[in-house]
């Protein structure tokens, strides 16, 4: 639906009829604190990332083993039955077996921390290339031609190189847990003939957590609930503070507040019960300069915080936008790559000090354990229950990073694989920054969501996927609003999806 479809209704004489009063459909909201990091001195960065990999493997391995055992029980080739081995180093040449481990992709074009040691040499090299008008290739993909990429399977005992035609048809990235069946060849590589993954985890019933909370409180579980409305999801506002922001934000605000000229548009807005903003609300709010930029910077501070570079206008515009909506509609705000939050996943909530007007609708720091606030600044990734459905969403970084590992372009396929791998960010911490968890990995997906959305994608796409136990998941790629003008609406009764597109049109 396009706002331009109702353009003719702008030129009408004032109506003598009384305007109807529409009440916005209420939203049932029950967020989870899955990705909240420890506070203050309890947050440490001295531990190694290896513990995180081991914790991930230990948690997912039983599920993968169960699925592989059911699939390959009694599997034979030339009279030899496939057997399970506990560790990758227990694989023996010529024996048909299967083993579970973590995938590691050895890719020459993938960033390597050791490259920093030769940064100065690289800088001199690229400077010479620029002088000769020779450009270095962009690393939109880590995949390299000529079969130079290698796939490894590793666990706490060691690493095994995988090979075989079967791998060409599989989507694999660093950090996903798989079971691989095959045999070791004379070259010491494991010839894979089949693979298995954990697949979708258990999916909670609708209203499950809400009913459990009522039962714990000794209250009667509701047998019937009022009909739910629609959840609006948007990403990539990329407010920069220039005049180009105003038109699109004004159109969006008027639509969400029901201030459009036609009565159908007003009633449609009344059905929207919550707005979810999925990252990149600001444009370049916290840029990290490269070494080249630091070397050529003139004036100001070379290192540390430079107050002269701060521009408060984008944050003020975002605060004004939120404050205009909050009296009418509750908002859930996720940070993104360009927002003033920590770079490593999980990104922590944008601080309320950034929103002097909007924070009046948020809980005080001492009220964090109280009921959910009207304005909820949350983590990225984020999960919670909206109108009884489990929602899981990110600002887009995990999918953008997985995109670099694979040859394909299908973002929905990548999103589906993340769910079936049961991991929000499998490539973290290899090529995606994340907090060095030690005893557990909160980035693992423990409960299958009903709605999985990813912000800041190239275009709008959606699909429904199913699981082995009857799970149904609506996956949504939410495009950047700044570039597409698209607002996504999810029906909280049917989980159907529609789009509203904003933009200007030429009458001539």
Protein backbone atom coordinates (compact mmCIF):
# COMPACT_ATOMS: atom_id res chain seq x y z
CA UNK A 1 0.00 0.00 0.00
CA UNK A 2 1.38 3.43 -0.90
CA UNK A 3 0.48 6.70 0.81
CA UNK A 4 0.29 8.23 -2.67
CA UNK A 5 -2.85 6.12 -3.33
CA UNK A 6 -4.81 8.48 -1.07
CA UNK A 7 -3.42 11.67 -2.59
CA UNK A 8 -6.75 12.75 -4.08
CA UNK A 9 -8.34 12.90 -0.63
CA UNK A 10 -6.05 15.80 0.26
CA UNK A 11 -8.22 18.20 -1.77
CA UNK A 12 -11.62 18.05 -0.06
CA UNK A 13 -13.90 20.57 1.59
CA UNK A 14 -14.06 20.26 5.39
CA UNK A 15 -16.62 17.70 6.50
CA UNK A 16 -19.60 18.69 8.64
CA UNK A 17 -19.59 15.27 10.29
CA UNK A 18 -18.02 14.72 13.68
CA UNK A 19 -14.72 12.94 13.53
CA UNK A 20 -14.84 9.41 14.97
CA UNK A 21 -12.68 8.71 18.01
CA UNK A 22 -10.61 5.58 17.50
CA UNK A 23 -8.79 3.80 20.28
CA UNK A 24 -5.50 2.13 19.47
CA UNK A 25 -5.49 -1.64 19.90
CA UNK A 26 -3.57 -2.46 23.12
CA UNK A 27 -0.33 -4.43 22.97
CA UNK A 28 0.60 -7.32 25.26
CA UNK A 29 4.36 -7.09 25.75
CA UNK A 30 6.61 -9.41 27.75
CA UNK A 31 10.31 -8.93 26.87
CA UNK A 32 13.19 -11.23 27.78
CA UNK A 33 16.58 -10.13 29.13
CA UNK A 34 18.52 -12.86 27.32
CA UNK A 35 21.27 -10.60 25.97
CA UNK A 36 21.83 -8.22 28.87
CA UNK A 37 25.51 -8.18 29.84
CA UNK A 38 26.80 -7.99 33.44
CA UNK A 39 27.08 -4.53 34.94
CA UNK A 40 30.18 -2.58 35.95
CA UNK A 41 33.00 -4.62 37.43
CA UNK A 42 31.27 -7.91 36.62
CA UNK A 43 31.82 -7.32 32.91
CA UNK A 44 35.25 -8.66 31.92
CA UNK A 45 37.14 -8.78 28.64
CA UNK A 46 40.19 -10.74 29.74
CA UNK A 47 38.85 -14.25 29.03
CA UNK A 48 39.63 -16.16 25.85
CA UNK A 49 37.08 -16.77 23.10
CA UNK A 50 37.89 -20.51 23.00
CA UNK A 51 35.61 -21.07 26.01
CA UNK A 52 32.73 -19.60 24.04
CA UNK A 53 33.27 -22.05 21.17
CA UNK A 54 33.43 -25.00 23.59
CA UNK A 55 30.25 -23.87 25.37
CA UNK A 56 28.45 -23.54 22.02
CA UNK A 57 29.53 -27.00 20.91
CA UNK A 58 28.65 -28.61 24.25
CA UNK A 59 25.15 -27.09 24.16
CA UNK A 60 24.22 -27.94 20.56
CA UNK A 61 26.11 -31.23 20.16
CA UNK A 62 23.50 -33.49 21.90
CA UNK A 63 20.72 -32.25 19.60
CA UNK A 64 22.87 -32.75 16.48
CA UNK A 65 23.93 -36.22 17.64
CA UNK A 66 20.32 -37.27 18.20
CA UNK A 67 19.24 -36.12 14.74
CA UNK A 68 22.27 -37.73 13.08
CA UNK A 69 21.75 -41.01 14.93
CA UNK A 70 18.13 -41.20 13.81
CA UNK A 71 19.06 -40.37 10.21
CA UNK A 72 22.06 -42.65 9.87
CA UNK A 73 21.12 -45.61 12.04
CA UNK A 74 22.05 -48.77 10.17
CA UNK A 75 23.47 -46.83 7.21
CA UNK A 76 25.78 -49.07 5.18
CA UNK A 77 28.13 -48.74 2.22
CA UNK A 78 29.66 -51.90 0.73
CA UNK A 79 28.66 -53.85 3.82
CA UNK A 80 30.28 -51.39 6.25
CA UNK A 81 28.02 -49.72 8.81
CA UNK A 82 28.63 -46.09 9.74
CA UNK A 83 29.68 -45.66 13.37
CA UNK A 84 29.82 -42.60 15.58
CA UNK A 85 33.16 -41.34 16.85
CA UNK A 86 33.38 -39.01 19.84
CA UNK A 87 36.17 -36.73 18.62
CA UNK A 88 37.46 -35.58 15.26
CA UNK A 89 40.88 -37.06 16.05
CA UNK A 90 39.27 -40.49 16.47
CA UNK A 91 38.50 -40.64 12.74
CA UNK A 92 40.49 -43.43 11.06
CA UNK A 93 41.44 -43.68 7.41
CA UNK A 94 39.15 -45.92 5.38
CA UNK A 95 36.50 -46.33 8.12
CA UNK A 96 32.93 -45.14 7.51
CA UNK A 97 31.99 -42.95 10.46
CA UNK A 98 30.35 -39.71 11.52
CA UNK A 99 31.41 -37.03 13.97
CA UNK A 100 30.02 -33.77 15.37
CA UNK A 101 32.04 -30.57 15.50
CA UNK A 102 32.21 -26.85 14.82
CA UNK A 103 32.77 -25.65 11.26
CA UNK A 104 35.71 -23.37 10.59
CA UNK A 105 36.16 -21.78 7.16
CA UNK A 106 39.75 -21.17 6.08
CA UNK A 107 39.42 -18.36 3.54
CA UNK A 108 42.36 -16.31 2.23
CA UNK A 109 40.19 -13.20 1.79
CA UNK A 110 38.75 -13.37 5.29
CA UNK A 111 40.06 -10.74 7.75
CA UNK A 112 42.80 -11.96 10.04
CA UNK A 113 43.93 -10.26 13.23
CA UNK A 114 47.54 -11.00 12.29
CA UNK A 115 47.13 -8.71 9.30
CA UNK A 116 47.37 -5.77 11.71
CA UNK A 117 51.05 -6.59 12.17
CA UNK A 118 51.69 -5.65 8.56
CA UNK A 119 49.27 -2.73 8.42
CA UNK A 120 51.94 -0.16 7.69
CA UNK A 121 53.26 -2.19 4.76
CA UNK A 122 49.71 -2.58 3.45
CA UNK A 123 49.10 1.17 3.74
CA UNK A 124 52.22 1.97 1.74
CA UNK A 125 51.21 -0.64 -0.84
CA UNK A 126 47.67 0.70 -1.31
CA UNK A 127 48.98 4.27 -1.47
CA UNK A 128 51.25 3.26 -4.35
CA UNK A 129 48.34 1.51 -6.10
CA UNK A 130 46.22 4.66 -5.79
CA UNK A 131 48.99 6.71 -7.34
CA UNK A 132 48.97 4.27 -10.28
CA UNK A 133 45.14 4.41 -10.42
CA UNK A 134 44.92 0.71 -9.52
CA UNK A 135 42.15 -0.10 -7.04
CA UNK A 136 42.15 -2.97 -4.56
CA UNK A 137 39.00 -5.13 -4.74
CA UNK A 138 36.16 -4.61 -2.27
CA UNK A 139 35.64 -7.50 0.12
CA UNK A 140 31.90 -7.83 -0.23
CA UNK A 141 32.52 -11.58 -0.14
CA UNK A 142 35.20 -13.67 1.54
CA UNK A 143 34.80 -16.44 -1.03
CA UNK A 144 37.73 -16.81 -3.40
CA UNK A 145 37.79 -18.36 -6.89
CA UNK A 146 39.85 -21.40 -7.75
CA UNK A 147 38.86 -23.55 -4.76
CA UNK A 148 41.27 -21.89 -2.33
CA UNK A 149 38.71 -21.89 0.50
CA UNK A 150 38.83 -24.85 2.86
CA UNK A 151 36.23 -26.21 5.28
CA UNK A 152 37.37 -27.59 8.64
CA UNK A 153 35.58 -29.46 11.41
CA UNK A 154 36.97 -28.95 14.89
CA UNK A 155 36.32 -29.75 18.53
CA UNK A 156 38.35 -29.66 21.74
CA UNK A 157 40.65 -32.42 20.40
CA UNK A 158 41.72 -30.93 17.09
CA UNK A 159 40.75 -30.05 13.53
CA UNK A 160 39.80 -32.14 10.48
CA UNK A 161 39.76 -30.90 6.88
CA UNK A 162 36.51 -31.64 5.04
CA UNK A 163 36.18 -32.31 1.32
CA UNK A 164 33.71 -33.80 -1.14
CA UNK A 165 31.04 -32.79 -3.64
CA UNK A 166 28.34 -32.84 -0.94
CA UNK A 167 29.81 -29.70 0.62
CA UNK A 168 29.17 -27.73 -2.59
CA UNK A 169 25.41 -27.96 -2.02
CA UNK A 170 25.51 -27.00 1.67
CA UNK A 171 25.56 -23.55 3.26
CA UNK A 172 28.34 -23.61 5.86
CA UNK A 173 29.98 -20.76 7.78
CA UNK A 174 32.40 -20.55 10.64
CA UNK A 175 30.75 -21.33 13.96
CA UNK A 176 27.85 -23.57 12.90
CA UNK A 177 27.61 -27.03 14.49
CA UNK A 178 27.17 -30.00 12.14
CA UNK A 179 27.44 -33.78 12.03
CA UNK A 180 29.44 -35.03 9.05
CA UNK A 181 29.44 -38.61 7.77
CA UNK A 182 32.12 -39.98 5.49
CA UNK A 183 35.58 -41.50 5.51
CA UNK A 184 39.13 -40.21 5.70
CA UNK A 185 41.00 -40.48 2.41
CA UNK A 186 44.68 -41.06 1.69
CA UNK A 187 45.36 -37.30 1.79
CA UNK A 188 44.13 -37.08 5.38
CA UNK A 189 40.96 -35.17 4.44
CA UNK A 190 37.50 -36.33 5.49
CA UNK A 191 35.42 -37.15 2.40
CA UNK A 192 31.89 -36.07 3.36
CA UNK A 193 28.86 -37.86 1.93
CA UNK A 194 26.15 -36.38 4.16
CA UNK A 195 25.65 -33.77 6.90
CA UNK A 196 23.06 -33.01 9.58
CA UNK A 197 22.33 -29.93 11.71
CA UNK A 198 20.35 -29.34 14.89
CA UNK A 199 17.30 -27.87 13.09
CA UNK A 200 14.67 -25.71 14.80
CA UNK A 201 14.46 -26.03 18.61
CA UNK A 202 11.25 -26.38 20.58
CA UNK A 203 8.73 -23.64 19.86
CA UNK A 204 6.69 -22.33 22.82
CA UNK A 205 2.93 -22.20 22.53
CA UNK A 206 1.32 -18.82 22.07
CA UNK A 207 0.77 -17.09 25.46
CA UNK A 208 2.87 -19.76 27.17
CA UNK A 209 5.03 -17.40 29.25
CA UNK A 210 2.08 -15.14 30.06
CA UNK A 211 -0.01 -18.11 31.27
CA UNK A 212 2.91 -19.42 33.35
CA UNK A 213 3.32 -16.00 34.99
CA UNK A 214 -0.39 -15.92 35.87
CA UNK A 215 -0.20 -19.45 37.30
CA UNK A 216 2.84 -18.58 39.44
CA UNK A 217 1.02 -15.50 40.74
CA UNK A 218 -1.96 -17.67 41.65
CA UNK A 219 -4.25 -15.95 39.16
CA UNK A 220 -6.69 -17.61 36.81
CA UNK A 221 -5.31 -18.29 33.32
CA UNK A 222 -7.21 -16.34 30.70
CA UNK A 223 -9.20 -18.60 28.40
CA UNK A 224 -10.02 -15.85 25.93
CA UNK A 225 -8.12 -12.73 25.03
CA UNK A 226 -9.16 -9.73 22.96
CA UNK A 227 -8.17 -9.72 19.32
CA UNK A 228 -4.68 -8.38 18.72
CA UNK A 229 -3.70 -5.67 16.27
CA UNK A 230 -0.57 -5.25 14.15
CA UNK A 231 3.09 -4.87 15.03
CA UNK A 232 4.99 -2.31 12.93
CA UNK A 233 8.68 -3.02 12.25
CA UNK A 234 11.04 -0.50 10.71
CA UNK A 235 14.82 -0.19 10.41
CA UNK A 236 17.45 2.08 8.94
CA UNK A 237 15.94 5.48 9.72
CA UNK A 238 19.54 6.78 9.50
CA UNK A 239 18.69 10.22 10.82
CA UNK A 240 21.56 12.51 9.88
CA UNK A 241 20.21 15.87 10.98
CA UNK A 242 19.81 17.33 7.50
CA UNK A 243 16.58 18.58 5.97
CA UNK A 244 16.09 15.37 3.96
CA UNK A 245 15.09 13.61 7.22
CA UNK A 246 12.09 15.82 7.85
CA UNK A 247 9.75 14.80 5.04
CA UNK A 248 9.99 11.04 5.50
CA UNK A 249 9.84 11.26 9.29
CA UNK A 250 6.82 13.57 9.10
CA UNK A 251 5.01 11.19 6.74
CA UNK A 252 5.81 8.24 8.98
CA UNK A 253 4.74 10.10 12.13
CA UNK A 254 1.44 11.22 10.61
CA UNK A 255 0.65 7.70 9.46
CA UNK A 256 1.42 6.06 12.81
CA UNK A 257 -0.60 8.70 14.67
CA UNK A 258 -3.57 8.32 12.35
CA UNK A 259 -3.28 11.86 11.02
CA UNK A 260 -3.57 10.90 7.36
CA UNK A 261 -6.47 12.46 5.51
CA UNK A 262 -8.57 9.38 4.74
CA UNK A 263 -10.64 7.47 7.28
CA UNK A 264 -9.31 4.05 6.11
CA UNK A 265 -5.78 5.23 6.83
CA UNK A 266 -6.83 6.43 10.28
CA UNK A 267 -8.49 3.15 11.17
CA UNK A 268 -5.49 1.21 9.85
CA UNK A 269 -3.18 3.18 12.13
CA UNK A 270 -5.41 2.41 15.11
CA UNK A 271 -4.72 -1.30 14.51
CA UNK A 272 -0.97 -0.81 15.03
CA UNK A 273 -0.33 -1.76 18.64
CA UNK A 274 3.49 -1.45 18.80
CA UNK A 275 6.42 -0.02 16.82
CA UNK A 276 9.72 -1.93 16.70
CA UNK A 277 12.75 -0.02 15.38
CA UNK A 278 15.39 -2.56 14.30
CA UNK A 279 18.68 -0.67 14.35
CA UNK A 280 20.52 2.13 12.53
CA UNK A 281 18.22 4.87 13.75
CA UNK A 282 21.09 7.34 13.43
CA UNK A 283 23.55 7.77 10.58
CA UNK A 284 27.21 7.47 11.59
CA UNK A 285 26.53 8.35 15.20
CA UNK A 286 29.58 6.48 16.46
CA UNK A 287 32.07 6.11 13.58
CA UNK A 288 35.36 4.40 14.31
CA UNK A 289 38.11 6.04 12.24
CA UNK A 290 40.55 3.81 10.37
CA UNK A 291 44.28 4.04 10.90
CA UNK A 292 44.59 5.86 7.59
CA UNK A 293 42.08 8.47 8.73
CA UNK A 294 43.85 8.89 12.06
CA UNK A 295 47.18 9.35 10.29
CA UNK A 296 45.83 12.07 8.02
CA UNK A 297 43.60 13.81 10.58
CA UNK A 298 44.45 17.48 11.02
CA UNK A 299 43.45 19.40 14.08
CA UNK A 300 41.62 18.06 17.11
CA UNK A 301 42.68 15.00 19.05
CA UNK A 302 44.34 12.12 17.26
CA UNK A 303 43.28 9.52 19.84
CA UNK A 304 40.45 9.29 22.35
CA UNK A 305 37.23 11.27 22.43
CA UNK A 306 37.22 14.46 20.38
CA UNK A 307 34.31 16.69 21.47
CA UNK A 308 34.76 18.94 18.45
CA UNK A 309 33.55 16.16 16.13
CA UNK A 310 30.27 15.57 17.98
CA UNK A 311 27.06 16.63 16.25
CA UNK A 312 24.01 16.52 18.57
CA UNK A 313 21.46 17.26 15.82
CA UNK A 314 20.76 13.65 14.69
CA UNK A 315 20.11 12.50 18.27
CA UNK A 316 17.84 15.47 18.88
CA UNK A 317 15.82 14.65 15.76
CA UNK A 318 15.47 11.02 16.83
CA UNK A 319 14.38 12.06 20.30
CA UNK A 320 11.78 14.43 18.85
CA UNK A 321 10.50 11.70 16.53
CA UNK A 322 10.12 9.21 19.39
CA UNK A 323 8.59 11.78 21.74
CA UNK A 324 5.93 12.63 19.12
CA UNK A 325 4.88 8.97 18.87
CA UNK A 326 5.18 7.77 22.46
CA UNK A 327 2.02 9.33 23.86
CA UNK A 328 0.08 7.21 21.35
CA UNK A 329 2.08 4.04 20.63
CA UNK A 330 4.62 1.94 22.61
CA UNK A 331 8.07 1.61 21.05
CA UNK A 332 10.80 -1.03 21.23
CA UNK A 333 14.18 0.36 20.10
CA UNK A 334 17.10 -1.86 19.05
CA UNK A 335 20.58 -0.40 18.40
CA UNK A 336 22.45 -1.03 15.15
CA UNK A 337 25.83 -0.66 13.52
CA UNK A 338 25.68 3.13 13.18
CA UNK A 339 24.05 3.84 16.56
CA UNK A 340 25.91 5.07 19.67
CA UNK A 341 26.14 1.66 21.35
CA UNK A 342 28.92 -0.86 21.95
CA UNK A 343 30.16 -2.38 18.70
CA UNK A 344 30.44 -5.98 19.95
CA UNK A 345 27.37 -8.19 20.04
CA UNK A 346 25.15 -8.31 21.93
CA UNK A 347 24.82 -4.55 21.67
CA UNK A 348 23.42 -3.10 24.87
CA UNK A 349 20.40 -0.74 24.97
CA UNK A 350 20.84 2.85 23.85
CA UNK A 351 21.21 4.91 27.00
CA UNK A 352 18.18 6.90 28.12
CA UNK A 353 20.38 9.99 28.50
CA UNK A 354 20.29 10.25 24.70
CA UNK A 355 16.54 10.89 24.83
CA UNK A 356 15.73 13.72 27.27
CA UNK A 357 12.11 13.91 26.04
CA UNK A 358 11.36 10.25 25.32
CA UNK A 359 12.86 8.81 28.50
CA UNK A 360 9.84 10.03 30.47
CA UNK A 361 8.05 6.98 29.03
CA UNK A 362 10.78 4.55 30.13
CA UNK A 363 11.40 2.85 33.45
CA UNK A 364 13.89 4.43 35.82
CA UNK A 365 17.15 2.48 36.37
CA UNK A 366 15.82 1.35 39.76
CA UNK A 367 12.65 0.06 38.08
CA UNK A 368 14.30 -2.31 35.59
CA UNK A 369 12.61 -5.33 37.17
CA UNK A 370 9.21 -3.68 37.05
CA UNK A 371 6.61 -4.18 34.32
CA UNK A 372 7.75 -3.35 30.75
CA UNK A 373 7.90 0.34 29.99
CA UNK A 374 6.09 2.17 27.22
CA UNK A 375 9.45 3.09 25.70
CA UNK A 376 11.72 0.04 25.84
CA UNK A 377 15.32 0.52 24.71
CA UNK A 378 16.56 -3.06 24.29
CA UNK A 379 19.57 -5.10 23.19
CA UNK A 380 20.59 -6.26 19.72
CA UNK A 381 19.79 -9.16 19.29
CA UNK A 382 16.49 -8.99 21.16
CA UNK A 383 13.74 -11.45 21.95
CA UNK A 384 10.42 -11.14 23.72
CA UNK A 385 6.75 -12.01 23.57
CA UNK A 386 4.43 -9.63 21.71
CA UNK A 387 0.74 -10.51 21.88
CA UNK A 388 1.75 -14.00 22.98
CA UNK A 389 4.06 -14.70 20.02
CA UNK A 390 7.81 -15.11 20.49
CA UNK A 391 9.64 -12.43 18.48
CA UNK A 392 13.38 -12.61 17.76
CA UNK A 393 15.18 -9.86 15.88
CA UNK A 394 18.53 -8.27 15.12
CA UNK A 395 19.81 -5.08 13.55
CA UNK A 396 21.26 -7.06 10.64
CA UNK A 397 24.96 -7.57 11.50
CA UNK A 398 24.88 -11.42 11.72
CA UNK A 399 23.19 -11.83 8.32
CA UNK A 400 25.44 -9.22 6.72
CA UNK A 401 28.46 -11.17 7.96
CA UNK A 402 27.12 -14.59 6.89
CA UNK A 403 26.48 -13.07 3.45
CA UNK A 404 30.25 -12.63 3.03
CA UNK A 405 30.92 -16.35 3.63
CA UNK A 406 28.56 -17.78 1.01
CA UNK A 407 28.33 -17.44 -2.74
CA UNK A 408 24.56 -16.91 -2.88
CA UNK A 409 22.49 -13.75 -2.51
CA UNK A 410 19.34 -15.17 -0.83
CA UNK A 411 19.11 -13.38 2.53
CA UNK A 412 16.02 -15.36 3.61
CA UNK A 413 17.94 -18.60 3.06
CA UNK A 414 20.70 -17.30 5.33
CA UNK A 415 18.15 -16.32 7.98
CA UNK A 416 16.60 -19.78 7.81
CA UNK A 417 19.98 -21.44 8.26
CA UNK A 418 20.73 -19.33 11.35
CA UNK A 419 17.54 -20.61 12.94
CA UNK A 420 18.27 -24.21 11.97
CA UNK A 421 21.84 -23.88 13.28
CA UNK A 422 20.28 -22.53 16.51
CA UNK A 423 22.67 -19.60 16.67
CA UNK A 424 21.98 -15.87 16.34
CA UNK A 425 25.52 -15.07 15.22
CA UNK A 426 27.55 -18.15 14.23
CA UNK A 427 30.43 -16.13 12.75
CA UNK A 428 31.02 -14.39 16.09
CA UNK A 429 33.69 -14.08 17.36
CA UNK A 430 35.64 -15.05 14.22
CA UNK A 431 34.70 -12.14 11.95
CA UNK A 432 31.92 -10.51 13.97
CA UNK A 433 32.82 -8.77 17.21
CA UNK A 434 31.12 -10.11 20.32
CA UNK A 435 31.49 -10.22 24.08
CA UNK A 436 33.82 -13.08 25.22
CA UNK A 437 31.28 -15.26 27.02
CA UNK A 438 32.88 -17.99 29.09
CA UNK A 439 30.46 -20.39 30.78
CA UNK A 440 27.64 -20.07 28.26
CA UNK A 441 26.73 -18.63 24.87
CA UNK A 442 23.54 -16.52 25.03
CA UNK A 443 23.73 -16.10 21.26
CA UNK A 444 22.40 -19.66 20.93
CA UNK A 445 18.69 -19.94 20.11
CA UNK A 446 17.09 -21.95 22.90
CA UNK A 447 13.43 -21.44 21.92
CA UNK A 448 12.21 -21.27 18.35
CA UNK A 449 10.57 -17.90 17.63
CA UNK A 450 7.27 -17.43 15.84
CA UNK A 451 8.56 -14.28 14.13
CA UNK A 452 12.21 -13.70 13.18
CA UNK A 453 13.08 -10.32 11.70
CA UNK A 454 16.39 -8.86 10.54
CA UNK A 455 16.78 -5.14 9.97
CA UNK A 456 18.75 -3.07 7.46
CA UNK A 457 18.53 -5.51 4.56
CA UNK A 458 18.68 -4.54 0.86
CA UNK A 459 14.97 -5.18 0.24
CA UNK A 460 11.80 -6.47 1.85
CA UNK A 461 11.36 -10.25 1.76
CA UNK A 462 9.37 -12.72 3.83
CA UNK A 463 8.79 -16.45 4.03
CA UNK A 464 7.27 -19.05 6.36
CA UNK A 465 9.48 -22.01 7.26
CA UNK A 466 8.56 -25.17 9.15
CA UNK A 467 10.38 -27.54 11.46
CA UNK A 468 10.39 -31.27 12.22
CA UNK A 469 8.06 -30.89 15.21
CA UNK A 470 5.52 -28.71 13.42
CA UNK A 471 7.19 -25.38 14.15
CA UNK A 472 6.15 -22.51 11.91
CA UNK A 473 8.29 -19.38 11.73
CA UNK A 474 7.60 -16.16 9.85
CA UNK A 475 10.97 -14.75 8.77
CA UNK A 476 11.14 -11.13 7.60
CA UNK A 477 13.95 -9.15 5.98
CA UNK A 478 13.23 -5.52 6.87
CA UNK A 479 14.76 -2.99 4.43
CA UNK A 480 16.33 0.35 5.30
CA UNK A 481 13.60 2.97 5.59
CA UNK A 482 15.93 5.76 4.52
CA UNK A 483 16.48 4.05 1.15
CA UNK A 484 13.13 2.32 0.52
CA UNK A 485 10.52 4.11 2.64
CA UNK A 486 9.08 0.72 3.66
CA UNK A 487 7.28 0.06 6.96
CA UNK A 488 6.49 -3.62 7.66
CA UNK A 489 3.25 -4.59 9.43
CA UNK A 490 2.83 -8.00 11.05
CA UNK A 491 -0.72 -9.11 11.87
CA UNK A 492 -0.58 -10.32 15.49
CA UNK A 493 -3.44 -12.77 14.91
CA UNK A 494 -2.43 -14.48 11.66
CA UNK A 495 1.26 -13.45 11.43
CA UNK A 496 0.52 -12.27 7.91
CA UNK A 497 2.74 -9.47 6.61
CA UNK A 498 2.06 -6.33 4.58
CA UNK A 499 4.07 -3.24 3.70
CA UNK A 500 3.33 0.47 3.74
CA UNK A 501 5.60 2.52 1.49
CA UNK A 502 6.29 6.20 1.97
CA UNK A 503 7.70 8.54 -0.59
CA UNK A 504 7.19 11.57 -2.78
CA UNK A 505 5.63 11.46 -6.20
CA UNK A 506 5.79 13.68 -9.24
CA UNK A 507 2.46 15.18 -10.32
CA UNK A 508 3.95 16.33 -13.59
